[in-house]
Amino acid sequence: MLLQLKGCGILISKVYPVGQLQTYKYVVVLSQYQGKILLSRHKDRTTWETQGGHIEEGEIPLEAAKRELYEESGAIDYDIVPLCDYWAGSEDQSHGANGMVFQAIIHQLDSIPDSEMAEVKTFNTLPDNLTYPAITPILFAYLKEHRDSYMKEKFTNLYNKDNNSAYQTLLELEMITTESNELYVFFDELLEMLNHSKTMIRVRGFRLICCLAKWDTENKINQNIEVILKELEDEKGTSVRQCLAALNGILLYKYELSEMIANKLKELDLSKYKESMQPLIKKDIDHILNYM
C-alpha cells in the first residue's frame, strides 16, 4: 500500500462507520491468514504494511480491495467484507484523503504476482517497523474492538432460548475457528458451559472446545481433559453422538491425549441408552478407535 498525500508531513488518521464518508480515494485491507496478521513488504522498503492502494477509475472500493489484495499478497481464496471508513492526512487536517477499510480472511495464498511487493509474512502482533505507524495500529485497534464485540455477541447467543438461532451461531463459530483463534479468549466460559443444566448448552460448549484444539497454545484442553470427556457420559444418546463427532478436533491436534481418550471411549457404559441407539454410538466409538 502506497499512501501519497503531498504536503502532509506527519500523518494522522481517523476512523468512521463504514459508508459514512461516501467518497474514497484509497482502500486498505486488514488480512488474516492461518490465524495471524498477514503483511506485505515493498521491494524498496524494509518496513511492513497492509495490502491496499488507490481506487482506479471505474472501480468501486470492493473491487479495488480485491485487486490490491491479490496483487500485494497473492491471495486467491478469501472472504472479504467492509470494516470501516478512514481519513488520513496532516495534523492540521489541511491535507488528507478518505479510504475504505476491509477485513479479509485468507484461505489460500499463491505466489505474489509481478508487482511492487517483495514478500508477505505472518505476525502474531503488529511489528514495530511499520510503513505507516500512525495509521496501521489505529485500524487494527478498531478491528479488534469490532471483532471483540462481535464475538461476545455471538458467544452470548449460544444461550439463546431460540434453539434455531443458537444452533446457527454454533455453526458460525465452528466455521470461524477453522481460520481464527478469536474464540479462544472464551475458553474458560466454554468450559463453564459443560456444567450447565441443559444438555444442548453443554454440547455446544463441548463442540467449540474441540474446535479450539488447534489454537490451544496454553494447553487448557490438556489441563481440563477429564472434565471435558465427562460430557461423553451424557444421558442423551443423541448428545453423546454429537460429542463423539466433535472429538476428532482434539485428536487431530492433541495426539498426546489419544491414550486417555481411547480408554475413556472403551469404558463408556452404553447399556443406559435405548437399544436402537446403542449400536449407533458403538459404531461412532469404533470408528474413532480404528483411526487413532
Protein backbone atom coordinates (compact mmCIF):
# COMPACT_ATOMS: atom_id res chain seq x y z
CA MET A 1 0.00 0.00 0.00
CA LEU A 2 1.47 3.35 -1.02
CA LEU A 3 -0.18 6.34 0.60
CA GLN A 4 0.82 9.56 -1.16
CA LEU A 5 -0.53 12.71 0.47
CA LYS A 6 1.53 15.66 -0.65
CA GLY A 7 2.34 18.30 1.93
CA CYS A 8 1.04 16.29 4.87
CA GLY A 9 4.22 15.91 6.89
CA ILE A 10 3.23 13.83 9.92
CA LEU A 11 0.21 11.67 9.14
CA ILE A 12 -2.72 11.10 11.45
CA SER A 13 -5.83 9.03 10.85
CA LYS A 14 -9.45 8.85 12.00
CA VAL A 15 -11.96 6.02 11.78
CA TYR A 16 -15.65 6.30 10.86
CA PRO A 17 -18.55 3.85 10.41
CA VAL A 18 -18.47 2.16 7.03
CA GLY A 19 -20.19 4.21 4.31
CA GLN A 20 -20.16 7.49 6.22
CA LEU A 21 -17.51 9.26 4.12
CA GLN A 22 -19.19 8.26 0.81
CA THR A 23 -16.28 9.25 -1.46
CA TYR A 24 -13.00 7.34 -1.37
CA LYS A 25 -9.50 7.57 -2.81
CA TYR A 26 -7.87 4.54 -1.17
CA VAL A 27 -8.67 1.07 0.13
CA VAL A 28 -6.90 -0.76 2.94
CA VAL A 29 -7.20 -4.49 3.57
CA LEU A 30 -6.54 -5.94 7.04
CA SER A 31 -5.71 -9.55 6.27
CA GLN A 32 -5.58 -12.65 8.39
CA TYR A 33 -4.02 -15.92 7.30
CA GLN A 34 -3.91 -19.07 9.44
CA GLY A 35 -4.99 -17.06 12.46
CA LYS A 36 -2.22 -14.47 12.09
CA ILE A 37 -1.84 -10.97 10.66
CA LEU A 38 -0.61 -11.01 7.07
CA LEU A 39 1.51 -8.03 6.00
CA SER A 40 3.43 -7.22 2.83
CA ARG A 41 6.87 -5.70 2.27
CA HIS A 42 7.57 -3.33 -0.61
CA LYS A 43 10.64 -4.05 -2.74
CA ASP A 44 12.09 -0.63 -1.91
CA ARG A 45 11.43 -0.75 1.84
CA THR A 46 12.30 -2.80 4.91
CA THR A 47 9.03 -1.97 6.66
CA TRP A 48 5.74 -3.88 6.66
CA GLU A 49 2.31 -2.72 5.54
CA THR A 50 -1.23 -3.83 4.87
CA GLN A 51 -2.43 -4.55 1.38
CA GLY A 52 -4.22 -1.69 -0.35
CA GLY A 53 -3.82 1.34 -2.59
CA HIS A 54 -5.58 3.71 -4.96
CA ILE A 55 -9.05 3.06 -6.26
CA GLU A 56 -8.71 3.08 -10.02
CA GLU A 57 -11.12 4.87 -12.33
CA GLY A 58 -14.33 2.93 -12.72
CA GLU A 59 -13.72 0.73 -9.65
CA ILE A 60 -15.88 0.53 -6.59
CA PRO A 61 -14.00 0.13 -3.27
CA LEU A 62 -14.68 -3.63 -3.01
CA GLU A 63 -13.29 -4.25 -6.50
CA ALA A 64 -10.19 -2.23 -5.66
CA ALA A 65 -9.73 -4.10 -2.38
CA LYS A 66 -9.89 -7.48 -4.11
CA ARG A 67 -7.44 -6.38 -6.79
CA GLU A 68 -4.96 -4.92 -4.31
CA LEU A 69 -5.23 -7.95 -2.05
CA TYR A 70 -4.25 -10.27 -4.88
CA GLU A 71 -1.55 -8.01 -6.31
CA GLU A 72 0.13 -7.43 -2.95
CA SER A 73 -0.27 -10.83 -1.27
CA GLY A 74 -1.14 -13.44 -3.88
CA ALA A 75 -4.39 -14.30 -2.10
CA ILE A 76 -6.62 -16.37 -4.38
CA ASP A 77 -9.22 -17.74 -1.95
CA TYR A 78 -10.59 -15.49 0.77
CA ASP A 79 -13.60 -13.88 2.41
CA ILE A 80 -13.61 -10.09 2.42
CA VAL A 81 -16.05 -7.60 3.97
CA PRO A 82 -16.09 -3.82 4.58
CA LEU A 83 -14.99 -2.87 8.09
CA CYS A 84 -14.97 0.93 8.34
CA ASP A 85 -14.10 4.21 6.64
CA TYR A 86 -10.96 6.16 7.48
CA TRP A 87 -9.43 9.55 6.83
CA ALA A 88 -5.66 10.05 6.78
CA GLY A 89 -3.90 13.38 6.49
CA SER A 90 -1.89 16.12 8.14
CA GLU A 91 -2.10 17.03 11.81
CA ASP A 92 -3.74 20.36 10.98
CA GLN A 93 -6.18 18.49 8.69
CA SER A 94 -5.38 20.83 5.78
CA HIS A 95 -4.45 17.84 3.62
CA GLY A 96 -5.93 14.37 3.59
CA ALA A 97 -7.94 11.70 1.81
CA ASN A 98 -10.71 9.23 2.51
CA GLY A 99 -10.43 5.49 2.32
CA MET A 100 -12.45 2.35 3.00
CA VAL A 101 -11.07 -0.45 5.16
CA PHE A 102 -11.81 -4.12 4.53
CA GLN A 103 -11.21 -7.24 6.58
CA ALA A 104 -10.06 -10.35 4.72
CA ILE A 105 -9.78 -13.91 5.97
CA ILE A 106 -7.45 -15.63 3.53
CA HIS A 107 -7.83 -19.35 2.89
CA GLN A 108 -5.19 -19.81 0.20
CA LEU A 109 -2.14 -17.89 -0.97
CA ASP A 110 -0.45 -18.18 -4.34
CA SER A 111 2.80 -16.57 -5.46
CA ILE A 112 2.80 -12.77 -5.42
CA PRO A 113 2.24 -11.55 -8.97
CA ASP A 114 4.79 -9.24 -10.56
CA SER A 115 4.23 -6.08 -8.52
CA GLU A 116 5.99 -3.70 -6.18
CA MET A 117 5.76 -6.17 -3.28
CA ALA A 118 8.74 -8.39 -2.44
CA GLU A 119 7.20 -10.73 0.11
CA VAL A 120 4.44 -11.39 2.62
CA LYS A 121 4.81 -12.55 6.19
CA THR A 122 2.51 -13.51 9.06
CA PHE A 123 2.76 -11.93 12.50
CA ASN A 124 1.16 -12.72 15.85
CA THR A 125 1.10 -8.98 16.60
CA LEU A 126 1.94 -5.88 14.61
CA PRO A 127 5.71 -5.42 14.22
CA ASP A 128 7.47 -2.21 15.23
CA ASN A 129 8.79 -1.46 11.75
CA LEU A 130 5.55 -0.44 10.04
CA THR A 131 5.45 1.68 6.90
CA TYR A 132 2.55 3.71 8.32
CA PRO A 133 2.90 3.66 12.12
CA ALA A 134 0.34 6.46 12.51
CA ILE A 135 -2.35 4.61 10.56
CA THR A 136 -1.98 0.83 10.72
CA PRO A 137 -2.20 0.39 14.54
CA ILE A 138 -5.34 2.54 14.69
CA LEU A 139 -7.06 0.45 12.03
CA PHE A 140 -6.11 -2.83 13.70
CA ALA A 141 -7.25 -1.48 17.08
CA TYR A 142 -10.62 -0.71 15.52
CA LEU A 143 -10.73 -4.20 14.01
CA LYS A 144 -10.01 -5.77 17.39
CA GLU A 145 -12.69 -3.72 19.12
CA HIS A 146 -15.17 -4.57 16.38
CA ARG A 147 -14.36 -8.29 16.43
CA ASP A 148 -14.32 -8.50 20.24
CA SER A 149 -17.81 -7.01 20.35
CA TYR A 150 -18.98 -9.32 17.57
CA MET A 151 -17.56 -12.45 19.21
CA LYS A 152 -19.03 -11.51 22.59
CA GLU A 153 -22.44 -11.10 20.98
CA LYS A 154 -22.11 -14.47 19.25
CA PHE A 155 -20.96 -16.21 22.42
CA THR A 156 -23.92 -14.80 24.36
CA ASN A 157 -26.29 -16.09 21.69
CA LEU A 158 -25.19 -19.67 22.42
CA TYR A 159 -27.55 -19.41 25.42
CA ASN A 160 -30.45 -18.12 23.33
CA LYS A 161 -33.77 -19.79 24.16
CA ASP A 162 -34.44 -19.87 20.43
CA ASN A 163 -32.62 -23.12 19.68
CA ASN A 164 -32.53 -22.49 15.95
CA SER A 165 -30.77 -19.17 16.47
CA ALA A 166 -28.34 -20.67 18.98
CA TYR A 167 -27.59 -23.58 16.66
CA GLN A 168 -26.86 -21.28 13.72
CA THR A 169 -24.50 -19.35 15.97
CA LEU A 170 -22.78 -22.60 16.94
CA LEU A 171 -22.23 -23.47 13.29
CA GLU A 172 -20.92 -19.98 12.57
CA LEU A 173 -18.47 -20.11 15.47
CA GLU A 174 -17.29 -23.56 14.42
CA MET A 175 -16.58 -22.15 10.97
CA ILE A 176 -14.72 -19.17 12.43
CA THR A 177 -12.45 -21.41 14.49
CA THR A 178 -11.22 -23.14 11.34
CA GLU A 179 -9.47 -19.90 10.34
CA SER A 180 -9.13 -17.83 13.51
CA ASN A 181 -8.29 -18.09 17.22
CA GLU A 182 -10.72 -15.30 18.15
CA LEU A 183 -12.92 -17.60 20.23
CA TYR A 184 -10.00 -18.85 22.34
CA VAL A 185 -10.37 -15.97 24.81
CA PHE A 186 -13.75 -17.51 25.73
CA PHE A 187 -12.25 -20.92 26.57
CA ASP A 188 -12.94 -20.67 30.31
CA GLU A 189 -16.53 -19.64 29.61
CA LEU A 190 -16.93 -22.59 27.24
CA LEU A 191 -15.63 -24.85 29.98
CA GLU A 192 -18.28 -23.46 32.33
CA MET A 193 -20.94 -24.38 29.76
CA LEU A 194 -20.14 -28.04 30.47
CA ASN A 195 -21.69 -27.56 33.92
CA HIS A 196 -24.96 -26.14 32.62
CA SER A 197 -28.20 -27.92 33.49
CA LYS A 198 -29.33 -28.04 29.83
CA THR A 199 -27.80 -30.74 27.68
CA MET A 200 -27.86 -28.72 24.46
CA ILE A 201 -25.80 -25.93 26.04
CA ARG A 202 -23.26 -28.42 27.37
CA VAL A 203 -22.97 -29.96 23.90
CA ARG A 204 -22.39 -26.53 22.31
CA GLY A 205 -19.60 -25.88 24.78
CA PHE A 206 -18.05 -29.30 24.12
CA ARG A 207 -18.14 -28.90 20.34
CA LEU A 208 -16.50 -25.49 20.43
CA ILE A 209 -13.82 -26.63 22.87
CA CYS A 210 -12.93 -29.41 20.44
CA CYS A 211 -12.73 -26.85 17.62
CA LEU A 212 -10.26 -24.80 19.67
CA ALA A 213 -7.72 -27.61 19.97
CA LYS A 214 -5.67 -26.20 17.07
CA TRP A 215 -5.41 -22.84 18.88
CA ASP A 216 -4.78 -24.22 22.38
CA THR A 217 -1.38 -22.62 22.97
CA GLU A 218 -1.89 -22.66 26.74
CA ASN A 219 -2.80 -26.37 26.84
CA LYS A 220 -6.08 -25.65 28.55
CA ILE A 221 -7.64 -28.72 26.98
CA ASN A 222 -4.88 -30.91 28.42
CA GLN A 223 -5.39 -29.39 31.85
CA ASN A 224 -9.16 -29.97 31.78
CA ILE A 225 -9.44 -33.12 29.68
CA GLU A 226 -11.15 -35.19 32.39
CA VAL A 227 -13.87 -32.56 32.81
CA ILE A 228 -14.27 -32.27 29.05
CA LEU A 229 -14.55 -36.03 28.45
CA LYS A 230 -17.15 -36.30 31.21
CA GLU A 231 -19.67 -34.98 28.67
CA LEU A 232 -19.37 -38.31 26.81
CA GLU A 233 -21.37 -39.82 29.68
CA ASP A 234 -24.43 -37.67 28.96
CA GLU A 235 -27.79 -39.37 29.47
CA LYS A 236 -28.98 -38.45 25.98
CA GLY A 237 -27.60 -40.67 23.26
CA THR A 238 -28.06 -38.05 20.54
CA SER A 239 -25.92 -35.63 22.54
CA VAL A 240 -23.19 -38.22 23.01
CA ARG A 241 -23.12 -38.80 19.26
CA GLN A 242 -22.62 -35.07 18.64
CA CYS A 243 -19.75 -35.04 21.12
CA LEU A 244 -18.13 -38.09 19.56
CA ALA A 245 -18.28 -36.44 16.13
CA ALA A 246 -16.61 -33.32 17.52
CA LEU A 247 -13.92 -35.28 19.36
CA ASN A 248 -11.83 -35.58 16.20
CA GLY A 249 -10.96 -31.91 16.63
CA ILE A 250 -8.98 -32.77 19.77
CA LEU A 251 -7.48 -35.97 18.38
CA LEU A 252 -6.18 -34.15 15.32
CA TYR A 253 -4.15 -31.62 17.31
CA LYS A 254 -3.66 -33.32 20.69
CA TYR A 255 -2.02 -36.66 19.91
CA GLU A 256 -0.66 -36.82 23.43
CA LEU A 257 -4.25 -37.22 24.72
CA SER A 258 -5.05 -40.15 22.42
CA GLU A 259 -4.50 -42.87 25.01
CA MET A 260 -6.62 -41.14 27.64
CA ILE A 261 -9.40 -40.56 25.13
CA ALA A 262 -9.25 -44.17 23.89
CA ASN A 263 -9.53 -45.50 27.44
CA LYS A 264 -12.49 -43.23 28.09
CA LEU A 265 -14.28 -44.45 24.97
CA LYS A 266 -13.71 -48.10 25.85
CA GLU A 267 -15.16 -47.73 29.36
CA LEU A 268 -18.35 -45.89 28.35
CA ASP A 269 -21.50 -47.68 29.53
CA LEU A 270 -23.86 -47.91 26.58
CA SER A 271 -26.47 -50.02 28.35
CA LYS A 272 -28.26 -46.91 29.66
CA TYR A 273 -29.32 -45.90 26.16
CA LYS A 274 -32.22 -47.20 24.09
CA GLU A 275 -31.49 -50.42 22.26
CA SER A 276 -31.87 -48.61 18.94
CA MET A 277 -29.27 -46.03 19.99
CA GLN A 278 -26.63 -48.39 21.42
CA PRO A 279 -25.31 -49.76 18.09
CA LEU A 280 -25.13 -46.26 16.63
CA ILE A 281 -23.00 -44.99 19.49
CA LYS A 282 -20.84 -48.11 19.38
CA LYS A 283 -20.30 -47.60 15.67
CA ASP A 284 -19.20 -44.00 16.32
CA ILE A 285 -16.78 -45.16 19.02
CA ASP A 286 -15.35 -47.94 16.86
CA HIS A 287 -14.85 -45.51 14.01
CA ILE A 288 -12.78 -43.23 16.25
CA LEU A 289 -10.75 -46.06 17.76
CA ASN A 290 -9.99 -47.58 14.38
CA TYR A 291 -8.47 -44.35 13.14
CA MET A 292 -6.49 -43.45 16.24
